[in-house]
């Protein structure tokens, strides 16, 4: 998945915000909390997509080739997809949407209502 496609998918989710930080990473948030990141990794500086997932999804996804525990975030059940051929765009988009839902669900009821997520 290209960074442009990643940004488009994230932008279409409800009440998201976008910042570029950490050396050019595309960071997407809901309610001020990060749910997905597209950053460069490796010698070729290829795009890698990281996102929050459930503990079960974390265990399943990290068994796939090209998916690793996300650096610095694995303890919170984040994965990093380093090989674009591991998940097709539709699956990756579904995981990103689920990451958005998981993070939004941890916001207070009042904050979710304020953001139109209730």
PDB file of N, CA and C in Angstrom:
ATOM      1  N   UNK A   1       0.853  -1.176   0.000  1.00  0.00           N
ATOM      2  CA  UNK A   1       0.000   0.000   0.000  1.00  0.00           C
ATOM      3  C   UNK A   1       0.896   1.235   0.000  1.00  0.00           C
ATOM      4  N   UNK A   2       0.577   2.154  -0.863  1.00  0.00           N
ATOM      5  CA  UNK A   2       1.350   3.396  -0.916  1.00  0.00           C
ATOM      6  C   UNK A   2       0.955   4.298   0.254  1.00  0.00           C
ATOM      7  N   UNK A   3       1.815   5.231   0.554  1.00  0.00           N
ATOM      8  CA  UNK A   3       1.509   6.198   1.612  1.00  0.00           C
ATOM      9  C   UNK A   3       0.281   7.022   1.240  1.00  0.00           C
ATOM     10  N   UNK A   4       0.145   7.358  -0.018  1.00  0.00           N
ATOM     11  CA  UNK A   4      -1.018   8.130  -0.464  1.00  0.00           C
ATOM     12  C   UNK A   4      -2.313   7.359  -0.219  1.00  0.00           C
ATOM     13  N   UNK A   5      -2.310   6.069  -0.541  1.00  0.00           N
ATOM     14  CA  UNK A   5      -3.491   5.234  -0.317  1.00  0.00           C
ATOM     15  C   UNK A   5      -3.753   5.091   1.179  1.00  0.00           C
ATOM     16  N   UNK A   6      -2.699   4.892   1.964  1.00  0.00           N
ATOM     17  CA  UNK A   6      -2.822   4.805   3.424  1.00  0.00           C
ATOM     18  C   UNK A   6      -3.468   6.073   3.973  1.00  0.00           C
ATOM     19  N   UNK A   7      -2.965   7.230   3.559  1.00  0.00           N
ATOM     20  CA  UNK A   7      -3.507   8.503   4.034  1.00  0.00           C
ATOM     21  C   UNK A   7      -4.974   8.669   3.625  1.00  0.00           C
ATOM     22  N   UNK A   8      -5.324   8.244   2.426  1.00  0.00           N
ATOM     23  CA  UNK A   8      -6.711   8.349   1.955  1.00  0.00           C
ATOM     24  C   UNK A   8      -7.631   7.477   2.812  1.00  0.00           C
ATOM     25  N   UNK A   9      -7.221   6.260   3.104  1.00  0.00           N
ATOM     26  CA  UNK A   9      -8.028   5.348   3.928  1.00  0.00           C
ATOM     27  C   UNK A   9      -8.235   5.940   5.318  1.00  0.00           C
ATOM     28  N   UNK A  10      -7.173   6.438   5.916  1.00  0.00           N
ATOM     29  CA  UNK A  10      -7.275   7.008   7.263  1.00  0.00           C
ATOM     30  C   UNK A  10      -8.126   8.273   7.273  1.00  0.00           C
ATOM     31  N   UNK A  11      -7.985   9.098   6.243  1.00  0.00           N
ATOM     32  CA  UNK A  11      -8.729  10.358   6.173  1.00  0.00           C
ATOM     33  C   UNK A  11     -10.233  10.124   6.051  1.00  0.00           C
ATOM     34  N   UNK A  12     -10.629   9.002   5.507  1.00  0.00           N
ATOM     35  CA  UNK A  12     -12.050   8.705   5.326  1.00  0.00           C
ATOM     36  C   UNK A  12     -12.730   8.229   6.618  1.00  0.00           C
ATOM     37  N   UNK A  13     -11.949   7.911   7.642  1.00  0.00           N
ATOM     38  CA  UNK A  13     -12.522   7.472   8.914  1.00  0.00           C
ATOM     39  C   UNK A  13     -13.012   8.684   9.705  1.00  0.00           C
ATOM     40  N   UNK A  14     -13.969   8.469  10.578  1.00  0.00           N
ATOM     41  CA  UNK A  14     -14.620   9.553  11.319  1.00  0.00           C
ATOM     42  C   UNK A  14     -13.679  10.245  12.298  1.00  0.00           C
ATOM     43  N   UNK A  15     -13.680  11.564  12.266  1.00  0.00           N
ATOM     44  CA  UNK A  15     -12.994  12.421  13.245  1.00  0.00           C
ATOM     45  C   UNK A  15     -11.507  12.137  13.406  1.00  0.00           C
ATOM     46  N   UNK A  16     -10.828  11.962  12.288  1.00  0.00           N
ATOM     47  CA  UNK A  16      -9.389  11.714  12.354  1.00  0.00           C
ATOM     48  C   UNK A  16      -8.608  13.003  12.163  1.00  0.00           C
ATOM     49  N   UNK A  17      -7.392  12.997  12.684  1.00  0.00           N
ATOM     50  CA  UNK A  17      -6.455  14.093  12.451  1.00  0.00           C
ATOM     51  C   UNK A  17      -5.143  13.493  11.983  1.00  0.00           C
ATOM     52  N   UNK A  18      -4.390  14.284  11.258  1.00  0.00           N
ATOM     53  CA  UNK A  18      -3.144  13.812  10.656  1.00  0.00           C
ATOM     54  C   UNK A  18      -2.006  14.761  10.986  1.00  0.00           C
ATOM     55  N   UNK A  19      -0.869  14.195  11.346  1.00  0.00           N
ATOM     56  CA  UNK A  19       0.355  14.965  11.525  1.00  0.00           C
ATOM     57  C   UNK A  19       1.509  14.193  10.896  1.00  0.00           C
ATOM     58  N   UNK A  20       2.525  14.924  10.499  1.00  0.00           N
ATOM     59  CA  UNK A  20       3.765  14.306  10.026  1.00  0.00           C
ATOM     60  C   UNK A  20       4.789  14.580  11.106  1.00  0.00           C
ATOM     61  N   UNK A  21       5.340  13.518  11.675  1.00  0.00           N
ATOM     62  CA  UNK A  21       6.315  13.668  12.754  1.00  0.00           C
ATOM     63  C   UNK A  21       7.280  12.494  12.729  1.00  0.00           C
ATOM     64  N   UNK A  22       8.204  12.482  13.656  1.00  0.00           N
ATOM     65  CA  UNK A  22       9.181  11.400  13.793  1.00  0.00           C
ATOM     66  C   UNK A  22       9.924  11.135  12.485  1.00  0.00           C
ATOM     67  N   UNK A  23      10.484  12.165  11.923  1.00  0.00           N
ATOM     68  CA  UNK A  23      11.286  11.983  10.716  1.00  0.00           C
ATOM     69  C   UNK A  23      10.471  11.716   9.466  1.00  0.00           C
ATOM     70  N   UNK A  24       9.270  12.241   9.400  1.00  0.00           N
ATOM     71  CA  UNK A  24       8.469  12.110   8.188  1.00  0.00           C
ATOM     72  C   UNK A  24       7.394  11.050   8.232  1.00  0.00           C
ATOM     73  N   UNK A  25       7.125  10.472   9.385  1.00  0.00           N
ATOM     74  CA  UNK A  25       6.065   9.462   9.485  1.00  0.00           C
ATOM     75  C   UNK A  25       4.699  10.126   9.365  1.00  0.00           C
ATOM     76  N   UNK A  26       3.786   9.456   8.688  1.00  0.00           N
ATOM     77  CA  UNK A  26       2.412   9.906   8.549  1.00  0.00           C
ATOM     78  C   UNK A  26       1.627   9.293   9.708  1.00  0.00           C
ATOM     79  N   UNK A  27       1.238  10.133  10.672  1.00  0.00           N
ATOM     80  CA  UNK A  27       0.629   9.667  11.918  1.00  0.00           C
ATOM     81  C   UNK A  27      -0.837  10.073  11.949  1.00  0.00           C
ATOM     82  N   UNK A  28      -1.716   9.094  12.161  1.00  0.00           N
ATOM     83  CA  UNK A  28      -3.160   9.333  12.186  1.00  0.00           C
ATOM     84  C   UNK A  28      -3.704   9.095  13.577  1.00  0.00           C
ATOM     85  N   UNK A  29      -4.576  10.033  14.007  1.00  0.00           N
ATOM     86  CA  UNK A  29      -5.117   9.994  15.365  1.00  0.00           C
ATOM     87  C   UNK A  29      -6.633  10.133  15.336  1.00  0.00           C
ATOM     88  N   UNK A  30      -7.242   9.648  16.404  1.00  0.00           N
ATOM     89  CA  UNK A  30      -8.652   9.892  16.666  1.00  0.00           C
ATOM     90  C   UNK A  30      -8.740  10.320  18.127  1.00  0.00           C
ATOM     91  N   UNK A  31      -9.350  11.470  18.368  1.00  0.00           N
ATOM     92  CA  UNK A  31      -9.435  11.986  19.728  1.00  0.00           C
ATOM     93  C   UNK A  31      -8.079  12.233  20.355  1.00  0.00           C
ATOM     94  N   UNK A  32      -7.080  12.540  19.518  1.00  0.00           N
ATOM     95  CA  UNK A  32      -5.734  12.802  20.020  1.00  0.00           C
ATOM     96  C   UNK A  32      -4.904  11.563  20.286  1.00  0.00           C
ATOM     97  N   UNK A  33      -5.464  10.382  20.023  1.00  0.00           N
ATOM     98  CA  UNK A  33      -4.760   9.112  20.256  1.00  0.00           C
ATOM     99  C   UNK A  33      -4.409   8.470  18.920  1.00  0.00           C
ATOM    100  N   UNK A  34      -3.189   7.988  18.795  1.00  0.00           N
ATOM    101  CA  UNK A  34      -2.710   7.402  17.544  1.00  0.00           C
ATOM    102  C   UNK A  34      -3.342   6.032  17.309  1.00  0.00           C
ATOM    103  N   UNK A  35      -3.787   5.800  16.065  1.00  0.00           N
ATOM    104  CA  UNK A  35      -4.303   4.479  15.702  1.00  0.00           C
ATOM    105  C   UNK A  35      -3.553   3.848  14.528  1.00  0.00           C
ATOM    106  N   UNK A  36      -2.837   4.648  13.729  1.00  0.00           N
ATOM    107  CA  UNK A  36      -2.087   4.095  12.592  1.00  0.00           C
ATOM    108  C   UNK A  36      -0.955   5.032  12.195  1.00  0.00           C
ATOM    109  N   UNK A  37       0.125   4.408  11.697  1.00  0.00           N
ATOM    110  CA  UNK A  37       1.326   5.158  11.302  1.00  0.00           C
ATOM    111  C   UNK A  37       1.878   4.541  10.019  1.00  0.00           C
ATOM    112  N   UNK A  38       2.303   5.386   9.094  1.00  0.00           N
ATOM    113  CA  UNK A  38       3.041   4.926   7.927  1.00  0.00           C
ATOM    114  C   UNK A  38       4.412   5.591   7.997  1.00  0.00           C
ATOM    115  N   UNK A  39       5.448   4.770   8.083  1.00  0.00           N
ATOM    116  CA  UNK A  39       6.802   5.303   8.232  1.00  0.00           C
ATOM    117  C   UNK A  39       7.759   4.529   7.331  1.00  0.00           C
ATOM    118  N   UNK A  40       8.961   5.037   7.203  1.00  0.00           N
ATOM    119  CA  UNK A  40       9.997   4.370   6.425  1.00  0.00           C
ATOM    120  C   UNK A  40      10.792   3.434   7.301  1.00  0.00           C
ATOM    121  N   UNK A  41      11.270   2.353   6.717  1.00  0.00           N
ATOM    122  CA  UNK A  41      12.110   1.431   7.475  1.00  0.00           C
ATOM    123  C   UNK A  41      13.101   0.774   6.507  1.00  0.00           C
ATOM    124  N   UNK A  42      14.160   0.266   7.049  1.00  0.00           N
ATOM    125  CA  UNK A  42      15.137  -0.497   6.275  1.00  0.00           C
ATOM    126  C   UNK A  42      16.019   0.357   5.401  1.00  0.00           C
ATOM    127  N   UNK A  43      16.964  -0.329   4.771  1.00  0.00           N
ATOM    128  CA  UNK A  43      17.937   0.351   3.920  1.00  0.00           C
ATOM    129  C   UNK A  43      17.289   1.041   2.736  1.00  0.00           C
ATOM    130  N   UNK A  44      16.276   0.410   2.152  1.00  0.00           N
ATOM    131  CA  UNK A  44      15.607   0.996   0.999  1.00  0.00           C
ATOM    132  C   UNK A  44      14.590   2.049   1.377  1.00  0.00           C
ATOM    133  N   UNK A  45      14.420   2.289   2.683  1.00  0.00           N
ATOM    134  CA  UNK A  45      13.447   3.263   3.178  1.00  0.00           C
ATOM    135  C   UNK A  45      12.068   3.030   2.561  1.00  0.00           C
ATOM    136  N   UNK A  46      11.614   1.765   2.655  1.00  0.00           N
ATOM    137  CA  UNK A  46      10.285   1.426   2.162  1.00  0.00           C
ATOM    138  C   UNK A  46       9.235   1.811   3.197  1.00  0.00           C
ATOM    139  N   UNK A  47       8.020   2.052   2.716  1.00  0.00           N
ATOM    140  CA  UNK A  47       6.923   2.371   3.622  1.00  0.00           C
ATOM    141  C   UNK A  47       6.506   1.125   4.395  1.00  0.00           C
ATOM    142  N   UNK A  48       6.257   1.314   5.674  1.00  0.00           N
ATOM    143  CA  UNK A  48       5.730   0.261   6.539  1.00  0.00           C
ATOM    144  C   UNK A  48       4.524   0.845   7.262  1.00  0.00           C
ATOM    145  N   UNK A  49       3.465   0.054   7.375  1.00  0.00           N
ATOM    146  CA  UNK A  49       2.238   0.501   8.030  1.00  0.00           C
ATOM    147  C   UNK A  49       2.132  -0.176   9.391  1.00  0.00           C
ATOM    148  N   UNK A  50       1.960   0.640  10.430  1.00  0.00           N
ATOM    149  CA  UNK A  50       1.786   0.134  11.793  1.00  0.00           C
ATOM    150  C   UNK A  50       0.395   0.519  12.274  1.00  0.00           C
ATOM    151  N   UNK A  51      -0.218  -0.382  13.047  1.00  0.00           N
ATOM    152  CA  UNK A  51      -1.544  -0.087  13.575  1.00  0.00           C
ATOM    153  C   UNK A  51      -1.818  -0.883  14.840  1.00  0.00           C
ATOM    154  N   UNK A  52      -2.740  -0.356  15.622  1.00  0.00           N
ATOM    155  CA  UNK A  52      -3.213  -0.996  16.846  1.00  0.00           C
ATOM    156  C   UNK A  52      -4.120  -2.157  16.453  1.00  0.00           C
ATOM    157  N   UNK A  53      -4.055  -3.258  17.217  1.00  0.00           N
ATOM    158  CA  UNK A  53      -4.957  -4.376  16.966  1.00  0.00           C
ATOM    159  C   UNK A  53      -5.274  -5.091  18.284  1.00  0.00           C
ATOM    160  N   UNK A  54      -6.196  -6.009  18.229  1.00  0.00           N
ATOM    161  CA  UNK A  54      -6.534  -6.788  19.423  1.00  0.00           C
ATOM    162  C   UNK A  54      -5.379  -7.741  19.730  1.00  0.00           C
ATOM    163  N   UNK A  55      -5.368  -8.278  20.928  1.00  0.00           N
ATOM    164  CA  UNK A  55      -4.313  -9.228  21.292  1.00  0.00           C
ATOM    165  C   UNK A  55      -4.345 -10.458  20.397  1.00  0.00           C
ATOM    166  N   UNK A  56      -5.547 -10.942  20.069  1.00  0.00           N
ATOM    167  CA  UNK A  56      -5.668 -12.111  19.190  1.00  0.00           C
ATOM    168  C   UNK A  56      -5.138 -11.793  17.796  1.00  0.00           C
ATOM    169  N   UNK A  57      -5.545 -10.658  17.246  1.00  0.00           N
ATOM    170  CA  UNK A  57      -5.043 -10.263  15.927  1.00  0.00           C
ATOM    171  C   UNK A  57      -3.533 -10.086  15.940  1.00  0.00           C
ATOM    172  N   UNK A  58      -3.002  -9.545  17.021  1.00  0.00           N
ATOM    173  CA  UNK A  58      -1.556  -9.368  17.160  1.00  0.00           C
ATOM    174  C   UNK A  58      -0.851 -10.720  17.020  1.00  0.00           C
ATOM    175  N   UNK A  59      -1.356 -11.721  17.739  1.00  0.00           N
ATOM    176  CA  UNK A  59      -0.730 -13.054  17.681  1.00  0.00           C
ATOM    177  C   UNK A  59      -0.835 -13.663  16.289  1.00  0.00           C
ATOM    178  N   UNK A  60      -1.991 -13.507  15.662  1.00  0.00           N
ATOM    179  CA  UNK A  60      -2.188 -14.078  14.326  1.00  0.00           C
ATOM    180  C   UNK A  60      -1.346 -13.344  13.290  1.00  0.00           C
ATOM    181  N   UNK A  61      -1.412 -12.016  13.293  1.00  0.00           N
ATOM    182  CA  UNK A  61      -0.706 -11.227  12.275  1.00  0.00           C
ATOM    183  C   UNK A  61       0.805 -11.376  12.359  1.00  0.00           C
ATOM    184  N   UNK A  62       1.347 -11.448  13.568  1.00  0.00           N
ATOM    185  CA  UNK A  62       2.806 -11.542  13.689  1.00  0.00           C
ATOM    186  C   UNK A  62       3.339 -12.915  13.276  1.00  0.00           C
ATOM    187  N   UNK A  63       2.450 -13.851  12.994  1.00  0.00           N
ATOM    188  CA  UNK A  63       2.863 -15.149  12.441  1.00  0.00           C
ATOM    189  C   UNK A  63       3.035 -15.083  10.925  1.00  0.00           C
ATOM    190  N   UNK A  64       2.512 -14.038  10.314  1.00  0.00           N
ATOM    191  CA  UNK A  64       2.606 -13.891   8.865  1.00  0.00           C
ATOM    192  C   UNK A  64       3.973 -13.345   8.464  1.00  0.00           C
ATOM    193  N   UNK A  65       4.492 -13.783   7.324  1.00  0.00           N
ATOM    194  CA  UNK A  65       5.758 -13.215   6.853  1.00  0.00           C
ATOM    195  C   UNK A  65       5.569 -11.748   6.506  1.00  0.00           C
ATOM    196  N   UNK A  66       6.513 -10.927   6.884  1.00  0.00           N
ATOM    197  CA  UNK A  66       6.443  -9.505   6.571  1.00  0.00           C
ATOM    198  C   UNK A  66       5.684  -8.674   7.579  1.00  0.00           C
ATOM    199  N   UNK A  67       5.185  -9.303   8.654  1.00  0.00           N
ATOM    200  CA  UNK A  67       4.498  -8.579   9.724  1.00  0.00           C
ATOM    201  C   UNK A  67       5.265  -8.838  11.012  1.00  0.00           C
ATOM    202  N   UNK A  68       5.624  -7.751  11.696  1.00  0.00           N
ATOM    203  CA  UNK A  68       6.417  -7.873  12.928  1.00  0.00           C
ATOM    204  C   UNK A  68       5.744  -7.058  14.037  1.00  0.00           C
ATOM    205  N   UNK A  69       6.081  -7.358  15.292  1.00  0.00           N
ATOM    206  CA  UNK A  69       5.625  -6.471  16.367  1.00  0.00           C
ATOM    207  C   UNK A  69       6.171  -5.071  16.093  1.00  0.00           C
ATOM    208  N   UNK A  70       5.324  -4.073  16.211  1.00  0.00           N
ATOM    209  CA  UNK A  70       5.744  -2.703  15.889  1.00  0.00           C
ATOM    210  C   UNK A  70       6.783  -2.210  16.891  1.00  0.00           C
ATOM    211  N   UNK A  71       7.897  -1.667  16.399  1.00  0.00           N
ATOM    212  CA  UNK A  71       8.909  -1.127  17.301  1.00  0.00           C
ATOM    213  C   UNK A  71       8.304  -0.097  18.256  1.00  0.00           C
ATOM    214  N   UNK A  72       8.640  -0.218  19.511  1.00  0.00           N
ATOM    215  CA  UNK A  72       8.215   0.680  20.594  1.00  0.00           C
ATOM    216  C   UNK A  72       6.738   0.557  20.975  1.00  0.00           C
ATOM    217  N   UNK A  73       5.936  -0.106  20.168  1.00  0.00           N
ATOM    218  CA  UNK A  73       4.496  -0.152  20.419  1.00  0.00           C
ATOM    219  C   UNK A  73       3.949  -1.572  20.581  1.00  0.00           C
ATOM    220  N   UNK A  74       4.779  -2.569  20.422  1.00  0.00           N
ATOM    221  CA  UNK A  74       4.312  -3.959  20.455  1.00  0.00           C
ATOM    222  C   UNK A  74       3.650  -4.314  21.782  1.00  0.00           C
ATOM    223  N   UNK A  75       4.130  -3.748  22.885  1.00  0.00           N
ATOM    224  CA  UNK A  75       3.549  -4.069  24.196  1.00  0.00           C
ATOM    225  C   UNK A  75       2.090  -3.655  24.293  1.00  0.00           C
ATOM    226  N   UNK A  76       1.661  -2.751  23.402  1.00  0.00           N
ATOM    227  CA  UNK A  76       0.274  -2.293  23.372  1.00  0.00           C
ATOM    228  C   UNK A  76      -0.488  -2.932  22.204  1.00  0.00           C
ATOM    229  N   UNK A  77      -0.005  -4.077  21.725  1.00  0.00           N
ATOM    230  CA  UNK A  77      -0.636  -4.829  20.621  1.00  0.00           C
ATOM    231  C   UNK A  77      -0.671  -4.045  19.309  1.00  0.00           C
ATOM    232  N   UNK A  78       0.483  -3.550  18.917  1.00  0.00           N
ATOM    233  CA  UNK A  78       0.643  -2.904  17.614  1.00  0.00           C
ATOM    234  C   UNK A  78       1.503  -3.795  16.734  1.00  0.00           C
ATOM    235  N   UNK A  79       1.152  -3.865  15.450  1.00  0.00           N
ATOM    236  CA  UNK A  79       1.959  -4.594  14.480  1.00  0.00           C
ATOM    237  C   UNK A  79       2.460  -3.629  13.415  1.00  0.00           C
ATOM    238  N   UNK A  80       3.501  -4.066  12.712  1.00  0.00           N
ATOM    239  CA  UNK A  80       4.025  -3.283  11.590  1.00  0.00           C
ATOM    240  C   UNK A  80       4.080  -4.205  10.373  1.00  0.00           C
ATOM    241  N   UNK A  81       3.414  -3.793   9.305  1.00  0.00           N
ATOM    242  CA  UNK A  81       3.407  -4.539   8.053  1.00  0.00           C
ATOM    243  C   UNK A  81       4.518  -3.973   7.188  1.00  0.00           C
ATOM    244  N   UNK A  82       5.555  -4.776   7.004  1.00  0.00           N
ATOM    245  CA  UNK A  82       6.724  -4.329   6.245  1.00  0.00           C
ATOM    246  C   UNK A  82       6.715  -4.812   4.806  1.00  0.00           C
ATOM    247  N   UNK A  83       5.932  -5.829   4.511  1.00  0.00           N
ATOM    248  CA  UNK A  83       5.868  -6.377   3.160  1.00  0.00           C
ATOM    249  C   UNK A  83       4.460  -6.159   2.631  1.00  0.00           C
ATOM    250  N   UNK A  84       4.340  -5.297   1.643  1.00  0.00           N
ATOM    251  CA  UNK A  84       3.027  -4.924   1.107  1.00  0.00           C
ATOM    252  C   UNK A  84       2.277  -6.107   0.508  1.00  0.00           C
ATOM    253  N   UNK A  85       2.981  -7.174   0.166  1.00  0.00           N
ATOM    254  CA  UNK A  85       2.309  -8.323  -0.434  1.00  0.00           C
ATOM    255  C   UNK A  85       1.687  -9.256   0.611  1.00  0.00           C
ATOM    256  N   UNK A  86       1.951  -9.004   1.888  1.00  0.00           N
ATOM    257  CA  UNK A  86       1.428  -9.876   2.940  1.00  0.00           C
ATOM    258  C   UNK A  86      -0.081  -9.745   3.075  1.00  0.00           C
ATOM    259  N   UNK A  87      -0.586  -8.524   3.074  1.00  0.00           N
ATOM    260  CA  UNK A  87      -2.026  -8.262   3.181  1.00  0.00           C
ATOM    261  C   UNK A  87      -2.449  -7.437   1.979  1.00  0.00           C
ATOM    262  N   UNK A  88      -3.578  -7.799   1.359  1.00  0.00           N
ATOM    263  CA  UNK A  88      -4.043  -6.966   0.249  1.00  0.00           C
ATOM    264  C   UNK A  88      -4.628  -5.674   0.811  1.00  0.00           C
ATOM    265  N   UNK A  89      -4.861  -4.710  -0.073  1.00  0.00           N
ATOM    266  CA  UNK A  89      -5.327  -3.388   0.365  1.00  0.00           C
ATOM    267  C   UNK A  89      -6.637  -3.452   1.130  1.00  0.00           C
ATOM    268  N   UNK A  90      -7.532  -4.329   0.710  1.00  0.00           N
ATOM    269  CA  UNK A  90      -8.831  -4.445   1.379  1.00  0.00           C
ATOM    270  C   UNK A  90      -8.655  -4.933   2.820  1.00  0.00           C
ATOM    271  N   UNK A  91      -7.816  -5.948   3.014  1.00  0.00           N
ATOM    272  CA  UNK A  91      -7.561  -6.453   4.370  1.00  0.00           C
ATOM    273  C   UNK A  91      -6.867  -5.402   5.230  1.00  0.00           C
ATOM    274  N   UNK A  92      -5.880  -4.741   4.651  1.00  0.00           N
ATOM    275  CA  UNK A  92      -5.154  -3.723   5.403  1.00  0.00           C
ATOM    276  C   UNK A  92      -6.082  -2.568   5.778  1.00  0.00           C
ATOM    277  N   UNK A  93      -6.959  -2.176   4.865  1.00  0.00           N
ATOM    278  CA  UNK A  93      -7.931  -1.121   5.159  1.00  0.00           C
ATOM    279  C   UNK A  93      -8.864  -1.546   6.286  1.00  0.00           C
ATOM    280  N   UNK A  94      -9.264  -2.813   6.302  1.00  0.00           N
ATOM    281  CA  UNK A  94     -10.132  -3.320   7.375  1.00  0.00           C
ATOM    282  C   UNK A  94      -9.407  -3.294   8.714  1.00  0.00           C
ATOM    283  N   UNK A  95      -8.126  -3.644   8.722  1.00  0.00           N
ATOM    284  CA  UNK A  95      -7.341  -3.596   9.963  1.00  0.00           C
ATOM    285  C   UNK A  95      -7.175  -2.159  10.454  1.00  0.00           C
ATOM    286  N   UNK A  96      -6.981  -1.241   9.534  1.00  0.00           N
ATOM    287  CA  UNK A  96      -6.851   0.172   9.914  1.00  0.00           C
ATOM    288  C   UNK A  96      -8.166   0.682  10.499  1.00  0.00           C
ATOM    289  N   UNK A  97      -9.282   0.317   9.880  1.00  0.00           N
ATOM    290  CA  UNK A  97     -10.593   0.724  10.406  1.00  0.00           C
ATOM    291  C   UNK A  97     -10.820   0.139  11.797  1.00  0.00           C
ATOM    292  N   UNK A  98     -10.393  -1.104  12.004  1.00  0.00           N
ATOM    293  CA  UNK A  98     -10.533  -1.729  13.322  1.00  0.00           C
ATOM    294  C   UNK A  98      -9.625  -1.032  14.341  1.00  0.00           C
ATOM    295  N   UNK A  99      -8.440  -0.629  13.923  1.00  0.00           N
ATOM    296  CA  UNK A  99      -7.536   0.114  14.810  1.00  0.00           C
ATOM    297  C   UNK A  99      -8.201   1.418  15.243  1.00  0.00           C
ATOM    298  N   UNK A 100      -8.824   2.103  14.313  1.00  0.00           N
ATOM    299  CA  UNK A 100      -9.554   3.338  14.602  1.00  0.00           C
ATOM    300  C   UNK A 100     -10.649   3.060  15.630  1.00  0.00           C
ATOM    301  N   UNK A 101     -11.414   1.989  15.406  1.00  0.00           N
ATOM    302  CA  UNK A 101     -12.500   1.638  16.321  1.00  0.00           C
ATOM    303  C   UNK A 101     -11.970   1.303  17.707  1.00  0.00           C
ATOM    304  N   UNK A 102     -10.892   0.523  17.777  1.00  0.00           N
ATOM    305  CA  UNK A 102     -10.312   0.143  19.073  1.00  0.00           C
ATOM    306  C   UNK A 102      -9.858   1.364  19.863  1.00  0.00           C
ATOM    307  N   UNK A 103      -9.157   2.258  19.199  1.00  0.00           N
ATOM    308  CA  UNK A 103      -8.642   3.442  19.887  1.00  0.00           C
ATOM    309  C   UNK A 103      -9.796   4.370  20.284  1.00  0.00           C
ATOM    310  N   UNK A 104     -10.752   4.555  19.382  1.00  0.00           N
ATOM    311  CA  UNK A 104     -11.900   5.417  19.697  1.00  0.00           C
ATOM    312  C   UNK A 104     -12.706   4.856  20.865  1.00  0.00           C
ATOM    313  N   UNK A 105     -12.792   3.542  20.971  1.00  0.00           N
ATOM    314  CA  UNK A 105     -13.572   2.927  22.050  1.00  0.00           C
ATOM    315  C   UNK A 105     -12.966   3.186  23.426  1.00  0.00           C
ATOM    316  N   UNK A 106     -11.701   3.541  23.466  1.00  0.00           N
ATOM    317  CA  UNK A 106     -11.023   3.828  24.737  1.00  0.00           C
ATOM    318  C   UNK A 106     -11.188   5.284  25.171  1.00  0.00           C
ATOM    319  N   UNK A 107     -11.768   6.115  24.311  1.00  0.00           N
ATOM    320  CA  UNK A 107     -12.033   7.503  24.666  1.00  0.00           C
ATOM    321  C   UNK A 107     -13.228   7.550  25.613  1.00  0.00           C
ATOM    322  N   UNK A 108     -13.347   8.620  26.357  1.00  0.00           N
ATOM    323  CA  UNK A 108     -14.496   8.765  27.249  1.00  0.00           C
ATOM    324  C   UNK A 108     -15.773   8.867  26.425  1.00  0.00           C
ATOM    325  N   UNK A 109     -16.874   8.531  27.036  1.00  0.00           N
ATOM    326  CA  UNK A 109     -18.171   8.615  26.361  1.00  0.00           C
ATOM    327  C   UNK A 109     -18.414  10.043  25.869  1.00  0.00           C
ATOM    328  N   UNK A 110     -18.081  11.023  26.709  1.00  0.00           N
ATOM    329  CA  UNK A 110     -18.281  12.426  26.335  1.00  0.00           C
ATOM    330  C   UNK A 110     -17.416  12.797  25.125  1.00  0.00           C
ATOM    331  N   UNK A 111     -16.181  12.349  25.114  1.00  0.00           N
ATOM    332  CA  UNK A 111     -15.268  12.664  24.002  1.00  0.00           C
ATOM    333  C   UNK A 111     -15.753  11.996  22.712  1.00  0.00           C
ATOM    334  N   UNK A 112     -16.219  10.746  22.805  1.00  0.00           N
ATOM    335  CA  UNK A 112     -16.753  10.065  21.626  1.00  0.00           C
ATOM    336  C   UNK A 112     -17.963  10.827  21.073  1.00  0.00           C
ATOM    337  N   UNK A 113     -18.835  11.269  21.958  1.00  0.00           N
ATOM    338  CA  UNK A 113     -20.016  12.029  21.528  1.00  0.00           C
ATOM    339  C   UNK A 113     -19.603  13.338  20.863  1.00  0.00           C
ATOM    340  N   UNK A 114     -18.636  14.004  21.451  1.00  0.00           N
ATOM    341  CA  UNK A 114     -18.122  15.269  20.909  1.00  0.00           C
ATOM    342  C   UNK A 114     -17.567  15.087  19.501  1.00  0.00           C
ATOM    343  N   UNK A 115     -16.941  13.928  19.264  1.00  0.00           N
ATOM    344  CA  UNK A 115     -16.336  13.642  17.959  1.00  0.00           C
ATOM    345  C   UNK A 115     -17.301  12.989  16.974  1.00  0.00           C
ATOM    346  N   UNK A 116     -18.530  12.740  17.406  1.00  0.00           N
ATOM    347  CA  UNK A 116     -19.509  12.093  16.539  1.00  0.00           C
ATOM    348  C   UNK A 116     -19.297  10.603  16.416  1.00  0.00           C
ATOM    349  N   UNK A 117     -18.702  10.002  17.431  1.00  0.00           N
ATOM    350  CA  UNK A 117     -18.405   8.571  17.409  1.00  0.00           C
ATOM    351  C   UNK A 117     -19.330   7.751  18.301  1.00  0.00           C
ATOM    352  N   UNK A 118     -20.255   8.405  18.987  1.00  0.00           N
ATOM    353  CA  UNK A 118     -21.112   7.698  19.945  1.00  0.00           C
ATOM    354  C   UNK A 118     -22.177   6.874  19.270  1.00  0.00           C
TER     355      UNK A 118
END
